[in-house]
Amino acid sequence: MKNTGLIAFAVFAFIAATASAQMADTDFAVSLVGTNTAAKTYVIRGELESIYVDVPASATNTVVVTSEQGTLFSKSSIAADAWYLPRVATHTTAGAAATFNTYSSTNSLVANAQTWYSKAAMAGPITVTVTGENASLTNATTTTVTLIYRK
């Protein structure tokens, strides 16, 4: 009888753990000609894990992702498909930048305050802006930006 209860608890714990760690994605596909700009706003709640930018051949774009709190990602001259893992600086409970020091190969402290980074929390409108950088392109090209986040 004890084993049945233990197994039931383990199954319940496993289901609860997987249900709370769901991944989601939001795609933004835009057709641009030359140096046009397009933007779209999404309402997203979760932690930004990564951004995938799918750029067509011969196109070069600038991609900016912003929230009400500030810029989450900004990259110009994107000319090839790429994954990005944007991170934001963390802060202490006093509001100061959270930092850490590193150690040398001889295990001696090196006093060089390094900024501590983490995934960006999102809880509201997120705006994706794509700007074409090739003025010579006269045909529309489609760039897709995928935001991958943990709910």
Foldseek 3Di string as FASTA:
>chain_A
DVVVVVVVVVVVVVVVVVVQWDKDKDKDKDWDFAFDKDKDKDFDFFWFAKKKKAFDAPWWKWKWKAAPVGTQDTDGGPHHIDMGGTWDFDADPVRHTDWDWDADPVRHTDPDTDTDIDTDGGGTMMMMMMTTNGNPGGGITMMMMMTMGTD
